[in-house]
Amino acid sequence: MRLLPNLLSFFRIFLVLPIIFSLESETYLLAAFLFLISSITDFFDGFLARKYGLESELGAFLDLIADKILVVTILVWLVFIYSNQALTIISILIILREICVTSFRYYLVLNNTNTELIKVNNYGKLKTAFQFFSIFLLILNPLLNDFYFIISLTLLLITALISYFSLTVYFLNWMKGQKNG
């Protein structure tokens, strides 16, 4: 039980390749199902770690990396599948934000700063939910009509806006901590 949250994070990373293979094979229902499973593991690894006191720095790092690998890889793959300018721009914005947050966390760790300042907040959780749902819809899009593609892009744009808002909250919390520290 002790390693289960970390195993779920590794499983999420492992599922990236079957999802890509399914997308390339045009088995969109399988790709969507695998993405849904990987999204659920994101919830359960943190839930189990908190509920059973299994939180660790390694676990937090694996969860963070697994999320980034999953989201960034699938977004890039979808950009190539759809060749849509709006999807490309929104994906770039999301990926840049993820790079900023990861780099900022790394900076804090290197400087022995209190990483509690940038723990996942409710905006980050909301961003993740929107992000997973919109990517799920984008994966299913070839089986649906163009209306769903517009909905998916709109949700992904909302995701980008929420993600930059949560990034701003992280920076403001850090700056507030700098003044108080």
C-alpha atoms as a PDB file:
ATOM      1  CA  MET A   1       0.000   0.000   0.000  1.00  0.00           C
ATOM      2  CA  ARG A   2       2.881   2.321   0.796  1.00  0.00           C
ATOM      3  CA  LEU A   3       4.052   2.486  -2.831  1.00  0.00           C
ATOM      4  CA  LEU A   4       0.598   2.575  -4.448  1.00  0.00           C
ATOM      5  CA  PRO A   5       0.436   6.372  -4.986  1.00  0.00           C
ATOM      6  CA  ASN A   6       3.871   6.328  -6.682  1.00  0.00           C
ATOM      7  CA  LEU A   7       2.909   3.296  -8.767  1.00  0.00           C
ATOM      8  CA  LEU A   8      -0.187   5.165  -9.954  1.00  0.00           C
ATOM      9  CA  SER A   9       2.032   8.068 -11.073  1.00  0.00           C
ATOM     10  CA  PHE A  10       4.323   5.667 -12.945  1.00  0.00           C
ATOM     11  CA  PHE A  11       1.267   4.034 -14.488  1.00  0.00           C
ATOM     12  CA  ARG A  12       0.101   7.446 -15.717  1.00  0.00           C
ATOM     13  CA  ILE A  13       3.469   7.948 -17.435  1.00  0.00           C
ATOM     14  CA  PHE A  14       3.309   4.419 -18.876  1.00  0.00           C
ATOM     15  CA  LEU A  15      -0.145   5.065 -20.407  1.00  0.00           C
ATOM     16  CA  VAL A  16       1.159   7.890 -22.602  1.00  0.00           C
ATOM     17  CA  LEU A  17       2.560   5.531 -25.242  1.00  0.00           C
ATOM     18  CA  PRO A  18      -0.586   3.374 -25.580  1.00  0.00           C
ATOM     19  CA  ILE A  19      -2.659   6.554 -25.856  1.00  0.00           C
ATOM     20  CA  ILE A  20      -0.445   7.839 -28.669  1.00  0.00           C
ATOM     21  CA  PHE A  21      -0.488   4.449 -30.379  1.00  0.00           C
ATOM     22  CA  SER A  22      -4.297   4.418 -30.147  1.00  0.00           C
ATOM     23  CA  LEU A  23      -4.502   7.923 -31.599  1.00  0.00           C
ATOM     24  CA  GLU A  24      -2.224   6.945 -34.469  1.00  0.00           C
ATOM     25  CA  SER A  25      -4.241   3.769 -35.049  1.00  0.00           C
ATOM     26  CA  GLU A  26      -7.383   5.911 -35.071  1.00  0.00           C
ATOM     27  CA  THR A  27      -8.902   3.876 -32.258  1.00  0.00           C
ATOM     28  CA  TYR A  28     -10.209   7.006 -30.605  1.00  0.00           C
ATOM     29  CA  LEU A  29     -12.489   5.284 -28.092  1.00  0.00           C
ATOM     30  CA  LEU A  30      -9.545   3.274 -26.761  1.00  0.00           C
ATOM     31  CA  ALA A  31      -7.368   6.402 -26.642  1.00  0.00           C
ATOM     32  CA  ALA A  32     -10.104   8.274 -24.772  1.00  0.00           C
ATOM     33  CA  PHE A  33     -10.594   5.357 -22.368  1.00  0.00           C
ATOM     34  CA  LEU A  34      -6.859   5.140 -21.642  1.00  0.00           C
ATOM     35  CA  PHE A  35      -6.689   8.911 -21.155  1.00  0.00           C
ATOM     36  CA  LEU A  36      -9.656   8.716 -18.776  1.00  0.00           C
ATOM     37  CA  ILE A  37      -7.906   5.981 -16.768  1.00  0.00           C
ATOM     38  CA  SER A  38      -4.719   8.058 -16.608  1.00  0.00           C
ATOM     39  CA  SER A  39      -6.726  11.100 -15.485  1.00  0.00           C
ATOM     40  CA  ILE A  40      -8.346   9.073 -12.723  1.00  0.00           C
ATOM     41  CA  THR A  41      -4.929   7.942 -11.482  1.00  0.00           C
ATOM     42  CA  ASP A  42      -4.045  11.614 -11.032  1.00  0.00           C
ATOM     43  CA  PHE A  43      -6.882  11.968  -8.557  1.00  0.00           C
ATOM     44  CA  PHE A  44      -6.240   8.708  -6.729  1.00  0.00           C
ATOM     45  CA  ASP A  45      -2.486   8.996  -6.244  1.00  0.00           C
ATOM     46  CA  GLY A  46      -2.888  12.228  -4.279  1.00  0.00           C
ATOM     47  CA  PHE A  47      -6.055  11.083  -2.524  1.00  0.00           C
ATOM     48  CA  LEU A  48      -4.475   7.839  -1.298  1.00  0.00           C
ATOM     49  CA  ALA A  49      -1.241   9.574  -0.284  1.00  0.00           C
ATOM     50  CA  ARG A  50      -3.120  12.125   1.831  1.00  0.00           C
ATOM     51  CA  LYS A  51      -5.665   9.681   3.268  1.00  0.00           C
ATOM     52  CA  TYR A  52      -3.101   7.122   4.420  1.00  0.00           C
ATOM     53  CA  GLY A  53      -0.265   9.505   5.274  1.00  0.00           C
ATOM     54  CA  LEU A  54       1.880   8.291   2.370  1.00  0.00           C
ATOM     55  CA  GLU A  55       2.905  11.734   1.151  1.00  0.00           C
ATOM     56  CA  SER A  56       6.548  12.080   0.207  1.00  0.00           C
ATOM     57  CA  GLU A  57       8.764  14.429  -1.755  1.00  0.00           C
ATOM     58  CA  LEU A  58       9.341  11.669  -4.302  1.00  0.00           C
ATOM     59  CA  GLY A  59       5.597  11.140  -4.630  1.00  0.00           C
ATOM     60  CA  ALA A  60       4.921  14.838  -5.099  1.00  0.00           C
ATOM     61  CA  PHE A  61       7.674  15.017  -7.721  1.00  0.00           C
ATOM     62  CA  LEU A  62       6.392  11.916  -9.571  1.00  0.00           C
ATOM     63  CA  ASP A  63       2.846  13.253  -9.565  1.00  0.00           C
ATOM     64  CA  LEU A  64       4.019  16.582 -10.964  1.00  0.00           C
ATOM     65  CA  ILE A  65       6.187  14.981 -13.658  1.00  0.00           C
ATOM     66  CA  ALA A  66       3.543  12.405 -14.599  1.00  0.00           C
ATOM     67  CA  ASP A  67       0.967  15.159 -15.100  1.00  0.00           C
ATOM     68  CA  LYS A  68       3.334  17.212 -17.237  1.00  0.00           C
ATOM     69  CA  ILE A  69       4.397  14.242 -19.365  1.00  0.00           C
ATOM     70  CA  LEU A  70       0.799  13.177 -19.923  1.00  0.00           C
ATOM     71  CA  VAL A  71      -0.646  16.597 -20.729  1.00  0.00           C
ATOM     72  CA  VAL A  72       2.239  17.994 -22.769  1.00  0.00           C
ATOM     73  CA  THR A  73       2.754  14.838 -24.830  1.00  0.00           C
ATOM     74  CA  ILE A  74      -0.920  14.356 -25.658  1.00  0.00           C
ATOM     75  CA  LEU A  75      -1.430  18.064 -26.441  1.00  0.00           C
ATOM     76  CA  VAL A  76       1.550  18.060 -28.813  1.00  0.00           C
ATOM     77  CA  TRP A  77       0.263  14.905 -30.467  1.00  0.00           C
ATOM     78  CA  LEU A  78      -3.224  16.402 -30.875  1.00  0.00           C
ATOM     79  CA  VAL A  79      -1.722  19.534 -32.415  1.00  0.00           C
ATOM     80  CA  PHE A  80      -0.105  17.374 -35.087  1.00  0.00           C
ATOM     81  CA  ILE A  81      -3.274  15.343 -35.642  1.00  0.00           C
ATOM     82  CA  TYR A  82      -5.594  18.330 -36.058  1.00  0.00           C
ATOM     83  CA  SER A  83      -3.217  20.941 -37.530  1.00  0.00           C
ATOM     84  CA  ASN A  84      -5.464  23.629 -36.080  1.00  0.00           C
ATOM     85  CA  GLN A  85      -4.010  27.069 -35.396  1.00  0.00           C
ATOM     86  CA  ALA A  86      -6.206  27.809 -32.358  1.00  0.00           C
ATOM     87  CA  LEU A  87      -5.360  24.451 -30.789  1.00  0.00           C
ATOM     88  CA  THR A  88      -1.676  25.076 -31.446  1.00  0.00           C
ATOM     89  CA  ILE A  89      -1.703  28.515 -29.794  1.00  0.00           C
ATOM     90  CA  ILE A  90      -3.700  27.372 -26.756  1.00  0.00           C
ATOM     91  CA  SER A  91      -1.466  24.306 -26.367  1.00  0.00           C
ATOM     92  CA  ILE A  92       1.677  26.443 -26.515  1.00  0.00           C
ATOM     93  CA  LEU A  93       0.248  28.723 -23.818  1.00  0.00           C
ATOM     94  CA  ILE A  94      -0.541  25.745 -21.585  1.00  0.00           C
ATOM     95  CA  ILE A  95       2.870  24.150 -22.153  1.00  0.00           C
ATOM     96  CA  LEU A  96       4.661  27.437 -21.410  1.00  0.00           C
ATOM     97  CA  ARG A  97       2.747  27.766 -18.164  1.00  0.00           C
ATOM     98  CA  GLU A  98       3.693  24.219 -17.188  1.00  0.00           C
ATOM     99  CA  ILE A  99       7.352  24.985 -17.896  1.00  0.00           C
ATOM    100  CA  CYS A 100       7.117  28.157 -15.772  1.00  0.00           C
ATOM    101  CA  VAL A 101       5.523  26.381 -12.801  1.00  0.00           C
ATOM    102  CA  THR A 102       7.958  23.468 -12.950  1.00  0.00           C
ATOM    103  CA  SER A 103      10.936  25.812 -13.253  1.00  0.00           C
ATOM    104  CA  PHE A 104       9.654  27.949 -10.389  1.00  0.00           C
ATOM    105  CA  ARG A 105       9.227  24.904  -8.151  1.00  0.00           C
ATOM    106  CA  TYR A 106      12.718  23.746  -9.086  1.00  0.00           C
ATOM    107  CA  TYR A 107      14.093  27.206  -8.237  1.00  0.00           C
ATOM    108  CA  LEU A 108      12.418  27.087  -4.829  1.00  0.00           C
ATOM    109  CA  VAL A 109      13.818  23.628  -4.105  1.00  0.00           C
ATOM    110  CA  LEU A 110      17.333  24.686  -5.152  1.00  0.00           C
ATOM    111  CA  ASN A 111      17.159  27.719  -2.888  1.00  0.00           C
ATOM    112  CA  ASN A 112      15.693  25.800   0.064  1.00  0.00           C
ATOM    113  CA  THR A 113      12.617  28.014  -0.055  1.00  0.00           C
ATOM    114  CA  ASN A 114       9.325  26.984   1.500  1.00  0.00           C
ATOM    115  CA  THR A 115       7.606  24.970  -1.240  1.00  0.00           C
ATOM    116  CA  GLU A 116       4.343  25.196   0.722  1.00  0.00           C
ATOM    117  CA  LEU A 117       3.958  28.588  -0.968  1.00  0.00           C
ATOM    118  CA  ILE A 118       3.264  26.930  -4.303  1.00  0.00           C
ATOM    119  CA  LYS A 119       1.399  23.792  -3.318  1.00  0.00           C
ATOM    120  CA  VAL A 120      -1.478  22.971  -5.609  1.00  0.00           C
ATOM    121  CA  ASN A 121      -4.353  25.305  -4.888  1.00  0.00           C
ATOM    122  CA  ASN A 122      -8.033  25.084  -5.841  1.00  0.00           C
ATOM    123  CA  TYR A 123      -7.354  26.974  -9.072  1.00  0.00           C
ATOM    124  CA  GLY A 124      -4.740  24.393 -10.002  1.00  0.00           C
ATOM    125  CA  LYS A 125      -7.215  21.592  -9.290  1.00  0.00           C
ATOM    126  CA  LEU A 126      -9.891  23.341 -11.350  1.00  0.00           C
ATOM    127  CA  LYS A 127      -7.366  23.813 -14.161  1.00  0.00           C
ATOM    128  CA  THR A 128      -6.517  20.128 -14.104  1.00  0.00           C
ATOM    129  CA  ALA A 129     -10.177  19.093 -14.257  1.00  0.00           C
ATOM    130  CA  PHE A 130     -10.873  21.421 -17.216  1.00  0.00           C
ATOM    131  CA  GLN A 131      -7.650  20.334 -18.892  1.00  0.00           C
ATOM    132  CA  PHE A 132      -8.357  16.611 -18.628  1.00  0.00           C
ATOM    133  CA  PHE A 133     -11.963  17.018 -19.754  1.00  0.00           C
ATOM    134  CA  SER A 134     -11.086  19.183 -22.762  1.00  0.00           C
ATOM    135  CA  ILE A 135      -8.278  16.834 -23.842  1.00  0.00           C
ATOM    136  CA  PHE A 136     -10.669  13.898 -23.429  1.00  0.00           C
ATOM    137  CA  LEU A 137     -13.138  15.636 -25.776  1.00  0.00           C
ATOM    138  CA  LEU A 138     -10.365  16.465 -28.242  1.00  0.00           C
ATOM    139  CA  ILE A 139      -9.375  12.794 -28.357  1.00  0.00           C
ATOM    140  CA  LEU A 140     -12.978  11.840 -29.107  1.00  0.00           C
ATOM    141  CA  ASN A 141     -13.479  14.624 -31.640  1.00  0.00           C
ATOM    142  CA  PRO A 142     -13.007  12.504 -34.810  1.00  0.00           C
ATOM    143  CA  LEU A 143     -16.017  10.464 -33.672  1.00  0.00           C
ATOM    144  CA  LEU A 144     -18.097  13.585 -33.050  1.00  0.00           C
ATOM    145  CA  ASN A 145     -18.965  16.642 -35.110  1.00  0.00           C
ATOM    146  CA  ASP A 146     -17.247  20.021 -35.395  1.00  0.00           C
ATOM    147  CA  PHE A 147     -19.435  21.493 -32.665  1.00  0.00           C
ATOM    148  CA  TYR A 148     -17.621  19.333 -30.097  1.00  0.00           C
ATOM    149  CA  PHE A 149     -14.283  20.512 -31.421  1.00  0.00           C
ATOM    150  CA  ILE A 150     -15.340  24.112 -30.762  1.00  0.00           C
ATOM    151  CA  ILE A 151     -16.507  23.134 -27.262  1.00  0.00           C
ATOM    152  CA  SER A 152     -13.187  21.339 -26.650  1.00  0.00           C
ATOM    153  CA  LEU A 153     -11.187  24.358 -27.806  1.00  0.00           C
ATOM    154  CA  THR A 154     -13.294  26.671 -25.653  1.00  0.00           C
ATOM    155  CA  LEU A 155     -12.733  24.470 -22.597  1.00  0.00           C
ATOM    156  CA  LEU A 156      -9.015  24.305 -23.379  1.00  0.00           C
ATOM    157  CA  LEU A 157      -8.926  28.110 -23.631  1.00  0.00           C
ATOM    158  CA  ILE A 158     -10.685  28.337 -20.250  1.00  0.00           C
ATOM    159  CA  THR A 159      -8.051  25.915 -18.967  1.00  0.00           C
ATOM    160  CA  ALA A 160      -5.286  28.220 -20.202  1.00  0.00           C
ATOM    161  CA  LEU A 161      -6.895  31.233 -18.518  1.00  0.00           C
ATOM    162  CA  ILE A 162      -7.352  29.379 -15.215  1.00  0.00           C
ATOM    163  CA  SER A 163      -3.796  28.064 -15.418  1.00  0.00           C
ATOM    164  CA  TYR A 164      -2.317  31.543 -15.827  1.00  0.00           C
ATOM    165  CA  PHE A 165      -4.491  32.805 -12.992  1.00  0.00           C
ATOM    166  CA  SER A 166      -3.207  30.004 -10.737  1.00  0.00           C
ATOM    167  CA  LEU A 167       0.360  30.812 -11.846  1.00  0.00           C
ATOM    168  CA  THR A 168      -0.230  34.409 -10.781  1.00  0.00           C
ATOM    169  CA  VAL A 169      -1.516  33.196  -7.402  1.00  0.00           C
ATOM    170  CA  TYR A 170       1.660  31.076  -6.970  1.00  0.00           C
ATOM    171  CA  PHE A 171       3.879  34.081  -7.695  1.00  0.00           C
ATOM    172  CA  LEU A 172       1.868  36.375  -5.411  1.00  0.00           C
ATOM    173  CA  ASN A 173       2.053  33.820  -2.580  1.00  0.00           C
ATOM    174  CA  TRP A 174       5.810  33.545  -3.090  1.00  0.00           C
ATOM    175  CA  MET A 175       6.236  37.334  -3.119  1.00  0.00           C
ATOM    176  CA  LYS A 176       4.125  37.623   0.043  1.00  0.00           C
ATOM    177  CA  GLY A 177       6.308  34.946   1.645  1.00  0.00           C
ATOM    178  CA  GLN A 178       9.431  36.851   0.596  1.00  0.00           C
ATOM    179  CA  LYS A 179       8.187  40.001   2.326  1.00  0.00           C
ATOM    180  CA  ASN A 180       7.251  38.103   5.482  1.00  0.00           C
ATOM    181  CA  GLY A 181      10.423  35.997   5.476  1.00  0.00           C
END
